[in-house]
Amino acid sequence: MNKVLVIGCPGAGKSTFARYLREATGLPLYYLDRIWHRADRTNVSREEFDERLGEILSGRQWIIDGNYLRTMQMRMEACDTIFLLDYPLEVCLSGVQSRIGKEREDMPWIEQEFDAEFRQWIAAFEKDQLPEIYRLLEQYKKEKTVIIFHSREEAQQYAESGGPSV
């Protein structure tokens, strides 16, 4: 395990799991939200995002946390291991709610509210994003290690059983 993706719905705990992987493996961790978002809540250009992502993907070792469906296939091509956190909607909504007002290393600002547009995006994730994620996983499952967790307990059991090795 040298090139790892951690994907799933916002609020599932991708960043928490990615930090666990970083601690367990020593691999460098990159957050797509940190690359895409500026501290003033604007975004970099797609070209700038893609250039930075390309630099990361060309590295020998990394963990990348985030979905960004537009670039998921290129990341899946480059990785050797994929973790999908496919948790129920209620778990993800609760996860987002619990981080309101807290400083996070994966975001360049502190979220002050759980806005309706983001809540709706999360509610639609299963219908709008997950089918394409599973289609891509199906495409790469023979050549990549794919691990899917359906609950926080499954991820915790993975961690407690010794988790990854590099």
N, C-alpha and C. Protein backbone atom coordinates (compact mmCIF):
# COMPACT_ATOMS: atom_id res chain seq x y z
N MET A 1 0.85 -1.17 0.00
CA MET A 1 0.00 0.00 0.00
C MET A 1 0.90 1.24 0.00
N ASN A 2 0.95 1.89 -1.16
CA ASN A 2 1.77 3.09 -1.30
C ASN A 2 1.02 4.29 -1.84
N LYS A 3 -0.04 4.03 -2.61
CA LYS A 3 -0.83 5.10 -3.23
C LYS A 3 -2.29 4.80 -2.93
N VAL A 4 -2.86 5.59 -2.03
CA VAL A 4 -4.14 5.25 -1.40
C VAL A 4 -5.16 6.35 -1.62
N LEU A 5 -6.38 5.95 -1.97
CA LEU A 5 -7.52 6.86 -2.04
C LEU A 5 -8.46 6.56 -0.89
N VAL A 6 -8.99 7.61 -0.28
CA VAL A 6 -10.05 7.48 0.71
C VAL A 6 -11.21 8.32 0.19
N ILE A 7 -12.30 7.63 -0.17
CA ILE A 7 -13.44 8.28 -0.79
C ILE A 7 -14.72 7.94 -0.04
N GLY A 8 -15.76 8.73 -0.27
CA GLY A 8 -17.05 8.51 0.37
C GLY A 8 -17.78 9.82 0.53
N CYS A 9 -18.98 9.74 1.01
CA CYS A 9 -19.85 10.90 1.19
C CYS A 9 -19.25 11.88 2.21
N PRO A 10 -19.45 13.19 2.01
CA PRO A 10 -19.05 14.13 3.05
C PRO A 10 -19.69 13.74 4.38
N GLY A 11 -18.92 13.84 5.43
CA GLY A 11 -19.41 13.50 6.76
C GLY A 11 -19.20 12.06 7.17
N ALA A 12 -18.75 11.23 6.22
CA ALA A 12 -18.54 9.81 6.54
C ALA A 12 -17.34 9.60 7.45
N GLY A 13 -16.40 10.52 7.42
CA GLY A 13 -15.20 10.36 8.23
C GLY A 13 -13.97 10.05 7.39
N LYS A 14 -13.98 10.45 6.12
CA LYS A 14 -12.83 10.20 5.25
C LYS A 14 -11.55 10.77 5.83
N SER A 15 -11.61 12.02 6.27
CA SER A 15 -10.40 12.67 6.77
C SER A 15 -9.89 12.01 8.05
N THR A 16 -10.79 11.63 8.91
CA THR A 16 -10.40 10.92 10.14
C THR A 16 -9.73 9.60 9.79
N PHE A 17 -10.32 8.85 8.86
CA PHE A 17 -9.74 7.57 8.45
C PHE A 17 -8.40 7.79 7.74
N ALA A 18 -8.33 8.82 6.89
CA ALA A 18 -7.08 9.11 6.18
C ALA A 18 -5.96 9.46 7.17
N ARG A 19 -6.31 10.20 8.23
CA ARG A 19 -5.29 10.51 9.25
C ARG A 19 -4.84 9.24 9.97
N TYR A 20 -5.77 8.32 10.24
CA TYR A 20 -5.39 7.04 10.83
C TYR A 20 -4.39 6.33 9.90
N LEU A 21 -4.69 6.30 8.59
CA LEU A 21 -3.79 5.64 7.64
C LEU A 21 -2.42 6.32 7.62
N ARG A 22 -2.41 7.65 7.69
CA ARG A 22 -1.14 8.38 7.71
C ARG A 22 -0.31 7.97 8.93
N GLU A 23 -0.96 7.90 10.09
CA GLU A 23 -0.25 7.52 11.31
C GLU A 23 0.24 6.07 11.23
N ALA A 24 -0.56 5.19 10.65
CA ALA A 24 -0.21 3.77 10.59
C ALA A 24 0.87 3.47 9.56
N THR A 25 0.94 4.28 8.49
CA THR A 25 1.85 3.96 7.39
C THR A 25 3.00 4.95 7.21
N GLY A 26 2.82 6.18 7.69
CA GLY A 26 3.82 7.21 7.45
C GLY A 26 3.72 7.84 6.08
N LEU A 27 2.72 7.47 5.30
CA LEU A 27 2.56 8.05 3.96
C LEU A 27 2.09 9.50 4.06
N PRO A 28 2.51 10.35 3.12
CA PRO A 28 2.03 11.74 3.13
C PRO A 28 0.54 11.79 2.76
N LEU A 29 -0.18 12.70 3.41
CA LEU A 29 -1.63 12.82 3.23
C LEU A 29 -1.95 14.15 2.57
N TYR A 30 -2.78 14.08 1.54
CA TYR A 30 -3.23 15.26 0.81
C TYR A 30 -4.76 15.30 0.84
N TYR A 31 -5.29 16.47 1.15
CA TYR A 31 -6.74 16.68 1.18
C TYR A 31 -7.15 17.44 -0.07
N LEU A 32 -8.02 16.88 -0.87
CA LEU A 32 -8.47 17.57 -2.07
C LEU A 32 -9.17 18.88 -1.73
N ASP A 33 -9.89 18.93 -0.62
CA ASP A 33 -10.54 20.18 -0.22
C ASP A 33 -9.53 21.29 0.01
N ARG A 34 -8.37 20.95 0.54
CA ARG A 34 -7.32 21.94 0.77
C ARG A 34 -6.71 22.44 -0.54
N ILE A 35 -6.72 21.59 -1.54
CA ILE A 35 -6.17 21.97 -2.84
C ILE A 35 -7.19 22.84 -3.60
N TRP A 36 -8.46 22.49 -3.54
CA TRP A 36 -9.51 23.17 -4.30
C TRP A 36 -9.93 24.49 -3.68
N HIS A 37 -10.07 24.52 -2.36
CA HIS A 37 -10.60 25.70 -1.67
C HIS A 37 -9.48 26.61 -1.18
N ARG A 38 -9.71 27.90 -1.30
CA ARG A 38 -8.84 28.89 -0.68
C ARG A 38 -9.46 29.29 0.65
N ALA A 39 -8.66 29.88 1.52
CA ALA A 39 -9.14 30.28 2.84
C ALA A 39 -10.26 31.31 2.77
N ASP A 40 -10.31 32.10 1.67
CA ASP A 40 -11.36 33.11 1.53
C ASP A 40 -12.65 32.54 0.93
N ARG A 41 -12.73 31.22 0.87
CA ARG A 41 -13.89 30.47 0.36
C ARG A 41 -14.08 30.56 -1.15
N THR A 42 -13.07 30.99 -1.86
CA THR A 42 -13.08 30.90 -3.31
C THR A 42 -12.34 29.61 -3.67
N ASN A 43 -12.32 29.28 -4.96
CA ASN A 43 -11.66 28.07 -5.43
C ASN A 43 -10.53 28.42 -6.38
N VAL A 44 -9.58 27.54 -6.48
CA VAL A 44 -8.56 27.67 -7.50
C VAL A 44 -9.20 27.31 -8.84
N SER A 45 -8.52 27.56 -9.94
CA SER A 45 -9.03 27.16 -11.25
C SER A 45 -8.92 25.64 -11.40
N ARG A 46 -9.70 25.10 -12.30
CA ARG A 46 -9.59 23.66 -12.59
C ARG A 46 -8.17 23.32 -13.03
N GLU A 47 -7.57 24.19 -13.82
CA GLU A 47 -6.22 23.95 -14.31
C GLU A 47 -5.22 23.88 -13.15
N GLU A 48 -5.34 24.81 -12.23
CA GLU A 48 -4.45 24.82 -11.07
C GLU A 48 -4.67 23.57 -10.21
N PHE A 49 -5.93 23.21 -9.99
CA PHE A 49 -6.25 22.01 -9.23
C PHE A 49 -5.65 20.78 -9.91
N ASP A 50 -5.88 20.65 -11.22
CA ASP A 50 -5.39 19.49 -11.96
C ASP A 50 -3.87 19.42 -11.96
N GLU A 51 -3.22 20.57 -12.06
CA GLU A 51 -1.75 20.60 -12.03
C GLU A 51 -1.23 20.12 -10.67
N ARG A 52 -1.81 20.61 -9.61
CA ARG A 52 -1.39 20.20 -8.26
C ARG A 52 -1.66 18.72 -8.04
N LEU A 53 -2.85 18.26 -8.47
CA LEU A 53 -3.18 16.85 -8.34
C LEU A 53 -2.20 15.99 -9.13
N GLY A 54 -1.85 16.42 -10.33
CA GLY A 54 -0.88 15.68 -11.14
C GLY A 54 0.47 15.56 -10.45
N GLU A 55 0.89 16.62 -9.78
CA GLU A 55 2.16 16.57 -9.03
C GLU A 55 2.09 15.52 -7.93
N ILE A 56 0.97 15.48 -7.23
CA ILE A 56 0.80 14.50 -6.15
C ILE A 56 0.79 13.09 -6.72
N LEU A 57 0.02 12.88 -7.78
CA LEU A 57 -0.11 11.55 -8.37
C LEU A 57 1.21 11.02 -8.91
N SER A 58 2.11 11.91 -9.30
CA SER A 58 3.41 11.46 -9.83
C SER A 58 4.36 11.04 -8.72
N GLY A 59 3.99 11.29 -7.48
CA GLY A 59 4.83 10.89 -6.36
C GLY A 59 4.82 9.39 -6.12
N ARG A 60 5.81 8.93 -5.39
CA ARG A 60 5.93 7.48 -5.11
C ARG A 60 4.93 6.99 -4.08
N GLN A 61 4.58 7.85 -3.13
CA GLN A 61 3.69 7.44 -2.06
C GLN A 61 2.77 8.59 -1.69
N TRP A 62 1.51 8.25 -1.38
CA TRP A 62 0.56 9.26 -0.96
C TRP A 62 -0.76 8.63 -0.50
N ILE A 63 -1.47 9.42 0.27
CA ILE A 63 -2.86 9.16 0.60
C ILE A 63 -3.61 10.40 0.12
N ILE A 64 -4.66 10.21 -0.64
CA ILE A 64 -5.49 11.32 -1.09
C ILE A 64 -6.89 11.14 -0.53
N ASP A 65 -7.34 12.17 0.19
CA ASP A 65 -8.65 12.19 0.83
C ASP A 65 -9.57 13.09 0.02
N GLY A 66 -10.67 12.53 -0.49
CA GLY A 66 -11.67 13.34 -1.16
C GLY A 66 -12.26 12.66 -2.38
N ASN A 67 -13.43 13.13 -2.75
CA ASN A 67 -14.14 12.55 -3.89
C ASN A 67 -13.80 13.23 -5.20
N TYR A 68 -14.32 14.42 -5.42
CA TYR A 68 -14.08 15.16 -6.66
C TYR A 68 -14.20 14.21 -7.86
N LEU A 69 -15.43 13.82 -8.13
CA LEU A 69 -15.75 12.80 -9.13
C LEU A 69 -15.09 13.09 -10.48
N ARG A 70 -14.94 14.34 -10.85
CA ARG A 70 -14.35 14.71 -12.14
C ARG A 70 -12.95 14.12 -12.30
N THR A 71 -12.20 13.98 -11.21
CA THR A 71 -10.82 13.48 -11.29
C THR A 71 -10.66 12.09 -10.68
N MET A 72 -11.77 11.46 -10.33
CA MET A 72 -11.66 10.18 -9.62
C MET A 72 -11.03 9.09 -10.48
N GLN A 73 -11.39 9.02 -11.75
CA GLN A 73 -10.83 7.97 -12.59
C GLN A 73 -9.31 8.09 -12.69
N MET A 74 -8.79 9.31 -12.88
CA MET A 74 -7.33 9.46 -12.97
C MET A 74 -6.66 9.06 -11.66
N ARG A 75 -7.32 9.33 -10.53
CA ARG A 75 -6.75 8.93 -9.24
C ARG A 75 -6.81 7.42 -9.07
N MET A 76 -7.91 6.81 -9.51
CA MET A 76 -8.01 5.35 -9.41
C MET A 76 -6.98 4.67 -10.29
N GLU A 77 -6.70 5.23 -11.45
CA GLU A 77 -5.67 4.65 -12.33
C GLU A 77 -4.30 4.68 -11.65
N ALA A 78 -4.04 5.73 -10.88
CA ALA A 78 -2.71 5.92 -10.29
C ALA A 78 -2.52 5.19 -8.96
N CYS A 79 -3.60 4.86 -8.27
CA CYS A 79 -3.47 4.31 -6.91
C CYS A 79 -3.28 2.80 -6.93
N ASP A 80 -2.96 2.24 -5.77
CA ASP A 80 -2.94 0.79 -5.61
C ASP A 80 -4.01 0.31 -4.62
N THR A 81 -4.53 1.23 -3.81
CA THR A 81 -5.51 0.86 -2.78
C THR A 81 -6.60 1.92 -2.71
N ILE A 82 -7.85 1.45 -2.58
CA ILE A 82 -8.99 2.36 -2.47
C ILE A 82 -9.83 1.95 -1.27
N PHE A 83 -10.08 2.93 -0.40
CA PHE A 83 -11.02 2.74 0.69
C PHE A 83 -12.27 3.57 0.38
N LEU A 84 -13.42 2.91 0.35
CA LEU A 84 -14.70 3.61 0.19
C LEU A 84 -15.45 3.52 1.50
N LEU A 85 -15.81 4.67 2.04
CA LEU A 85 -16.65 4.73 3.24
C LEU A 85 -18.08 4.96 2.75
N ASP A 86 -18.84 3.89 2.64
CA ASP A 86 -20.21 3.93 2.12
C ASP A 86 -21.16 3.77 3.30
N TYR A 87 -21.41 4.88 3.97
CA TYR A 87 -22.20 4.86 5.20
C TYR A 87 -23.60 5.40 4.95
N PRO A 88 -24.53 5.05 5.84
CA PRO A 88 -25.90 5.57 5.71
C PRO A 88 -25.94 7.10 5.79
N LEU A 89 -26.93 7.66 5.14
CA LEU A 89 -27.11 9.10 5.09
C LEU A 89 -27.10 9.73 6.47
N GLU A 90 -27.79 9.13 7.43
CA GLU A 90 -27.89 9.70 8.77
C GLU A 90 -26.52 9.83 9.42
N VAL A 91 -25.65 8.86 9.18
CA VAL A 91 -24.29 8.89 9.74
C VAL A 91 -23.52 10.06 9.14
N CYS A 92 -23.65 10.26 7.84
CA CYS A 92 -22.92 11.34 7.16
C CYS A 92 -23.45 12.71 7.59
N LEU A 93 -24.76 12.86 7.67
CA LEU A 93 -25.33 14.13 8.12
C LEU A 93 -24.88 14.45 9.54
N SER A 94 -24.88 13.45 10.39
CA SER A 94 -24.43 13.63 11.77
C SER A 94 -22.95 14.00 11.81
N GLY A 95 -22.17 13.37 10.95
CA GLY A 95 -20.74 13.65 10.89
C GLY A 95 -20.47 15.10 10.52
N VAL A 96 -21.20 15.61 9.54
CA VAL A 96 -21.02 17.02 9.15
C VAL A 96 -21.46 17.93 10.27
N GLN A 97 -22.60 17.63 10.87
CA GLN A 97 -23.12 18.47 11.95
C GLN A 97 -22.13 18.55 13.11
N SER A 98 -21.46 17.44 13.40
CA SER A 98 -20.55 17.39 14.55
C SER A 98 -19.28 18.23 14.35
N ARG A 99 -18.95 18.57 13.12
CA ARG A 99 -17.72 19.32 12.89
C ARG A 99 -17.95 20.83 12.72
N ILE A 100 -19.19 21.27 12.77
CA ILE A 100 -19.50 22.69 12.67
C ILE A 100 -18.82 23.43 13.83
N GLY A 101 -18.13 24.51 13.48
CA GLY A 101 -17.46 25.33 14.50
C GLY A 101 -16.10 24.82 14.93
N LYS A 102 -15.62 23.74 14.32
CA LYS A 102 -14.34 23.16 14.72
C LYS A 102 -13.28 23.37 13.64
N GLU A 103 -12.08 23.68 14.09
CA GLU A 103 -10.96 23.79 13.16
C GLU A 103 -10.58 22.39 12.69
N ARG A 104 -10.30 22.28 11.39
CA ARG A 104 -9.96 20.98 10.80
C ARG A 104 -8.76 21.12 9.89
N GLU A 105 -7.88 20.14 9.91
CA GLU A 105 -6.70 20.23 9.05
C GLU A 105 -7.04 19.99 7.59
N ASP A 106 -8.23 19.44 7.30
CA ASP A 106 -8.60 19.13 5.93
C ASP A 106 -9.35 20.26 5.22
N MET A 107 -9.69 21.34 5.93
CA MET A 107 -10.40 22.47 5.33
C MET A 107 -9.69 23.77 5.70
N PRO A 108 -9.67 24.74 4.77
CA PRO A 108 -8.96 25.99 5.06
C PRO A 108 -9.79 27.03 5.83
N TRP A 109 -10.96 26.66 6.31
CA TRP A 109 -11.77 27.56 7.12
C TRP A 109 -12.60 26.74 8.12
N ILE A 110 -13.20 27.42 9.06
CA ILE A 110 -14.07 26.76 10.03
C ILE A 110 -15.50 26.95 9.56
N GLU A 111 -16.18 25.85 9.34
CA GLU A 111 -17.59 25.91 8.94
C GLU A 111 -18.41 26.42 10.13
N GLN A 112 -19.21 27.43 9.88
CA GLN A 112 -20.01 28.03 10.94
C GLN A 112 -21.45 27.53 10.94
N GLU A 113 -21.87 26.94 9.82
CA GLU A 113 -23.24 26.43 9.73
C GLU A 113 -23.28 25.27 8.75
N PHE A 114 -24.31 24.49 8.85
CA PHE A 114 -24.55 23.38 7.94
C PHE A 114 -25.61 23.89 6.96
N ASP A 115 -25.12 24.49 5.85
CA ASP A 115 -26.06 25.16 4.96
C ASP A 115 -26.92 24.17 4.17
N ALA A 116 -28.07 24.64 3.75
CA ALA A 116 -29.08 23.79 3.11
C ALA A 116 -28.58 23.20 1.80
N GLU A 117 -27.80 23.95 1.04
CA GLU A 117 -27.30 23.44 -0.25
C GLU A 117 -26.36 22.25 -0.04
N PHE A 118 -25.46 22.36 0.94
CA PHE A 118 -24.54 21.26 1.24
C PHE A 118 -25.31 20.06 1.78
N ARG A 119 -26.28 20.30 2.63
CA ARG A 119 -27.11 19.22 3.17
C ARG A 119 -27.81 18.47 2.02
N GLN A 120 -28.33 19.21 1.06
CA GLN A 120 -29.01 18.59 -0.08
C GLN A 120 -28.02 17.79 -0.94
N TRP A 121 -26.82 18.33 -1.12
CA TRP A 121 -25.80 17.62 -1.90
C TRP A 121 -25.48 16.28 -1.25
N ILE A 122 -25.39 16.28 0.08
CA ILE A 122 -25.13 15.03 0.81
C ILE A 122 -26.31 14.08 0.68
N ALA A 123 -27.52 14.61 0.80
CA ALA A 123 -28.71 13.77 0.69
C ALA A 123 -28.80 13.12 -0.68
N ALA A 124 -28.31 13.79 -1.72
CA ALA A 124 -28.37 13.26 -3.09
C ALA A 124 -27.14 12.42 -3.45
N PHE A 125 -26.15 12.34 -2.57
CA PHE A 125 -24.90 11.64 -2.87
C PHE A 125 -25.15 10.20 -3.32
N GLU A 126 -26.01 9.49 -2.60
CA GLU A 126 -26.27 8.08 -2.92
C GLU A 126 -26.81 7.91 -4.34
N LYS A 127 -27.62 8.82 -4.77
CA LYS A 127 -28.24 8.74 -6.10
C LYS A 127 -27.33 9.36 -7.17
N ASP A 128 -26.68 10.48 -6.85
CA ASP A 128 -25.94 11.24 -7.86
C ASP A 128 -24.47 10.85 -8.02
N GLN A 129 -23.83 10.39 -6.97
CA GLN A 129 -22.39 10.13 -7.01
C GLN A 129 -22.04 8.65 -6.85
N LEU A 130 -22.70 8.00 -5.93
CA LEU A 130 -22.33 6.62 -5.57
C LEU A 130 -22.39 5.63 -6.74
N PRO A 131 -23.40 5.70 -7.62
CA PRO A 131 -23.40 4.76 -8.74
C PRO A 131 -22.15 4.87 -9.63
N GLU A 132 -21.69 6.09 -9.88
CA GLU A 132 -20.49 6.27 -10.69
C GLU A 132 -19.25 5.79 -9.94
N ILE A 133 -19.20 6.01 -8.64
CA ILE A 133 -18.08 5.50 -7.84
C ILE A 133 -18.03 3.98 -7.91
N TYR A 134 -19.17 3.33 -7.74
CA TYR A 134 -19.18 1.86 -7.82
C TYR A 134 -18.86 1.37 -9.23
N ARG A 135 -19.27 2.09 -10.26
CA ARG A 135 -18.93 1.71 -11.64
C ARG A 135 -17.41 1.74 -11.82
N LEU A 136 -16.78 2.80 -11.31
CA LEU A 136 -15.33 2.90 -11.41
C LEU A 136 -14.64 1.82 -10.58
N LEU A 137 -15.15 1.55 -9.38
CA LEU A 137 -14.56 0.49 -8.56
C LEU A 137 -14.63 -0.85 -9.27
N GLU A 138 -15.74 -1.11 -9.92
CA GLU A 138 -15.91 -2.36 -10.68
C GLU A 138 -14.84 -2.46 -11.77
N GLN A 139 -14.56 -1.34 -12.40
CA GLN A 139 -13.57 -1.29 -13.47
C GLN A 139 -12.16 -1.60 -12.96
N TYR A 140 -11.85 -1.18 -11.73
CA TYR A 140 -10.48 -1.30 -11.21
C TYR A 140 -10.29 -2.40 -10.16
N LYS A 141 -11.34 -3.09 -9.76
CA LYS A 141 -11.24 -4.01 -8.62
C LYS A 141 -10.30 -5.18 -8.85
N LYS A 142 -10.04 -5.56 -10.09
CA LYS A 142 -9.13 -6.69 -10.34
C LYS A 142 -7.66 -6.30 -10.20
N GLU A 143 -7.35 -5.03 -10.40
CA GLU A 143 -5.96 -4.60 -10.35
C GLU A 143 -5.61 -3.76 -9.13
N LYS A 144 -6.60 -3.39 -8.34
CA LYS A 144 -6.40 -2.56 -7.15
C LYS A 144 -6.95 -3.29 -5.93
N THR A 145 -6.44 -2.95 -4.78
CA THR A 145 -7.06 -3.41 -3.54
C THR A 145 -8.19 -2.45 -3.23
N VAL A 146 -9.42 -2.98 -3.14
CA VAL A 146 -10.59 -2.16 -2.86
C VAL A 146 -11.21 -2.65 -1.56
N ILE A 147 -11.31 -1.74 -0.60
CA ILE A 147 -11.90 -2.07 0.70
C ILE A 147 -13.07 -1.12 0.93
N ILE A 148 -14.24 -1.72 1.16
CA ILE A 148 -15.46 -0.93 1.35
C ILE A 148 -15.96 -1.15 2.77
N PHE A 149 -16.14 -0.05 3.48
CA PHE A 149 -16.72 -0.09 4.81
C PHE A 149 -18.15 0.43 4.72
N HIS A 150 -19.07 -0.26 5.40
CA HIS A 150 -20.47 0.17 5.42
C HIS A 150 -20.87 0.75 6.77
N SER A 151 -19.91 0.82 7.70
CA SER A 151 -20.17 1.42 9.01
C SER A 151 -18.86 1.88 9.62
N ARG A 152 -18.97 2.80 10.56
CA ARG A 152 -17.79 3.24 11.29
C ARG A 152 -17.18 2.08 12.06
N GLU A 153 -18.03 1.17 12.51
CA GLU A 153 -17.56 0.00 13.27
C GLU A 153 -16.65 -0.87 12.40
N GLU A 154 -17.00 -1.05 11.13
CA GLU A 154 -16.14 -1.84 10.23
C GLU A 154 -14.77 -1.18 10.07
N ALA A 155 -14.76 0.13 9.90
CA ALA A 155 -13.49 0.85 9.77
C ALA A 155 -12.67 0.72 11.07
N GLN A 156 -13.35 0.81 12.19
CA GLN A 156 -12.68 0.68 13.49
C GLN A 156 -12.10 -0.73 13.66
N GLN A 157 -12.85 -1.74 13.27
CA GLN A 157 -12.35 -3.12 13.35
C GLN A 157 -11.12 -3.30 12.47
N TYR A 158 -11.14 -2.70 11.30
CA TYR A 158 -9.98 -2.75 10.40
C TYR A 158 -8.76 -2.15 11.10
N ALA A 159 -8.95 -1.00 11.70
CA ALA A 159 -7.85 -0.32 12.39
C ALA A 159 -7.36 -1.16 13.57
N GLU A 160 -8.28 -1.71 14.33
CA GLU A 160 -7.90 -2.50 15.52
C GLU A 160 -7.25 -3.82 15.16
N SER A 161 -7.51 -4.34 13.95
CA SER A 161 -6.93 -5.61 13.55
C SER A 161 -5.52 -5.46 13.00
N GLY A 162 -5.01 -4.26 13.04
CA GLY A 162 -3.64 -4.04 12.56
C GLY A 162 -3.61 -3.19 11.32
N GLY A 163 -4.73 -3.10 10.63
CA GLY A 163 -4.85 -2.20 9.50
C GLY A 163 -3.84 -2.44 8.40
N PRO A 164 -3.37 -1.35 7.81
CA PRO A 164 -2.55 -1.45 6.60
C PRO A 164 -1.10 -1.75 6.89
N SER A 165 -0.44 -2.19 5.84
CA SER A 165 1.02 -2.32 5.87
C SER A 165 1.55 -1.72 4.59
N VAL A 166 2.70 -1.10 4.68
CA VAL A 166 3.29 -0.45 3.50
C VAL A 166 4.36 -1.37 2.94
